[in-house]
Protein backbone atom coordinates (compact mmCIF):
# COMPACT_ATOMS: atom_id res chain seq x y z
CA VAL A 1 13.23 2.59 -13.11
CA ASP A 2 10.32 1.04 -11.25
CA ARG A 3 7.90 3.69 -10.07
CA VAL A 4 5.69 3.70 -7.01
CA GLY A 5 2.82 2.15 -8.92
CA LEU A 6 0.68 3.22 -11.83
CA GLY A 7 2.44 6.54 -12.44
CA ALA A 8 4.89 5.48 -15.14
CA ASP A 9 2.64 6.88 -17.90
CA LEU A 10 2.43 10.20 -16.03
CA ALA A 11 6.23 10.28 -15.65
CA ARG A 12 6.63 9.57 -19.40
CA SER A 13 4.08 12.24 -20.23
CA LEU A 14 5.93 14.83 -18.14
CA ALA A 15 9.33 13.76 -19.49
CA SER A 16 8.21 13.90 -23.13
CA SER A 17 6.77 17.38 -22.67
CA GLY A 18 9.87 18.56 -20.84
CA GLY A 19 7.65 19.23 -17.83
CA ARG A 20 6.23 22.34 -19.55
CA ASP A 21 2.71 21.10 -20.11
CA ARG A 22 0.70 19.52 -17.38
CA PRO A 23 -1.41 16.45 -18.17
CA ASN A 24 -5.14 16.92 -18.56
CA PHE A 25 -7.01 18.31 -15.57
CA TYR A 26 -8.92 15.04 -15.32
CA ASP A 27 -5.85 12.85 -15.62
CA SER A 28 -6.36 9.10 -15.84
CA THR A 29 -3.39 8.50 -13.53
CA VAL A 30 -5.02 10.55 -10.79
CA GLN A 31 -8.24 8.61 -11.35
CA ARG A 32 -6.50 5.23 -11.07
CA TYR A 33 -4.71 6.16 -7.86
CA ALA A 34 -7.92 7.58 -6.40
CA GLU A 35 -9.65 4.25 -7.04
CA MET A 36 -7.03 2.28 -5.09
CA PRO A 37 -8.13 1.08 -1.66
CA ILE A 38 -6.82 2.87 1.42
CA HIS A 39 -5.44 0.84 4.29
CA ARG A 40 -6.48 2.52 7.54
CA LEU A 41 -4.09 1.90 10.40
CA THR A 42 -5.46 0.83 13.74
CA ILE A 43 -4.09 1.90 17.13
CA HIS A 44 -2.80 -1.65 17.59
CA GLU A 45 -0.87 -1.50 14.28
CA LEU A 46 0.65 1.87 15.19
CA LEU A 47 1.73 0.70 18.63
CA SER A 48 3.15 -2.60 17.39
CA SER A 49 5.03 -0.98 14.49
CA GLY A 50 7.66 0.36 16.89
CA SER A 51 8.68 -3.02 18.21
CA GLN A 52 11.10 -5.34 16.45
CA ILE A 53 12.11 -3.00 13.61
CA THR A 54 14.08 -4.78 10.91
CA ASN A 55 15.36 -3.51 7.58
CA GLU A 56 12.63 -5.46 5.80
CA ARG A 57 9.99 -3.90 8.06
CA LEU A 58 11.35 -0.39 7.37
CA ILE A 59 11.25 -1.00 3.61
CA SER A 60 7.70 -2.33 3.88
CA MET A 61 6.63 0.72 5.88
CA ALA A 62 8.27 3.09 3.36
CA GLN A 63 6.49 1.36 0.46
CA HIS A 64 3.19 1.61 2.33
CA VAL A 65 3.68 5.36 2.88
CA GLN A 66 4.52 5.83 -0.82
CA ARG A 67 1.33 4.09 -1.92
CA GLU A 68 -0.91 5.76 0.65
CA MET A 69 0.35 9.28 -0.01
CA CYS A 70 -0.23 8.94 -3.76
CA THR A 71 -3.70 7.48 -3.23
CA ARG A 72 -4.76 10.10 -0.70
CA LEU A 73 -3.44 13.03 -2.76
CA ALA A 74 -5.24 11.67 -5.83
CA ARG A 75 -8.49 11.54 -3.88
CA ARG A 76 -8.07 15.14 -2.72
CA LEU A 77 -7.31 16.23 -6.30
CA LEU A 78 -10.52 14.60 -7.52
CA ASP A 79 -12.43 16.17 -4.64
CA ILE A 80 -11.23 19.61 -5.71
CA GLN A 81 -11.92 18.91 -9.38
CA THR A 82 -15.53 17.98 -8.64
CA LEU A 83 -16.30 21.18 -6.75
CA PRO A 84 -18.64 23.65 -8.46
CA TYR A 85 -16.98 25.80 -11.12
CA ILE A 86 -17.31 29.03 -9.14
CA VAL A 87 -15.47 27.44 -6.20
CA VAL A 88 -12.67 26.03 -8.37
CA GLU A 89 -12.15 29.50 -9.88
CA ASN A 90 -11.21 30.84 -6.43
CA PRO A 91 -7.47 31.67 -6.54
CA ASN A 92 -6.91 30.08 -3.13
CA ILE A 93 -8.50 26.81 -4.26
CA GLN A 94 -6.43 26.93 -7.45
CA LYS A 95 -3.27 27.39 -5.37
CA VAL A 96 -4.13 24.39 -3.17
CA HIS A 97 -4.91 22.30 -6.25
CA SER A 98 -1.58 23.29 -7.81
CA LEU A 99 0.34 22.37 -4.65
CA TYR A 100 -1.45 19.01 -4.38
CA ARG A 101 -0.86 18.33 -8.09
CA THR A 102 2.85 19.12 -7.81
CA ALA A 103 3.22 16.88 -4.74
CA PHE A 104 1.30 14.07 -6.48
CA GLU A 105 3.46 14.28 -9.62
CA LYS A 106 6.69 14.20 -7.60
CA LEU A 107 5.56 11.25 -5.47
CA VAL A 108 4.37 9.22 -8.45
CA ALA A 109 7.63 9.80 -10.29
CA PHE A 110 9.74 8.85 -7.26
CA PRO A 111 11.35 5.40 -7.55
CA LYS A 112 9.83 2.66 -5.42
CA VAL A 113 11.79 2.02 -2.22
CA VAL A 114 13.48 -1.37 -2.57
CA ASN A 115 16.39 -1.18 -0.12
CA ILE A 116 17.36 0.48 3.12
CA SER A 117 19.93 2.83 1.53
CA GLN A 118 17.17 4.77 -0.21
């Protein structure tokens, strides 16, 4: 199954461990996604995206959202991981990190959108 991008090694890692053990805190998959460029949408792009919707355009938009969400979550995970130790030890920060990590893992493992029926 083709994955959204670079997350196949993360998916294998989680599958081989039965999902019990999380990958390292400073995971290389998170790092690679965080290094990907972000495409910022302009007002013009947002306004023009509603006109002339085709199946191909919908698939392209879904693939863009998949990539962007993984990249942006990875950047937030790295931001949290680089906070001072005393801040990261805060239970609320740990909860946010856990939620972001879970969302990132699920999105990376999700198959890439290739047709409209998905």
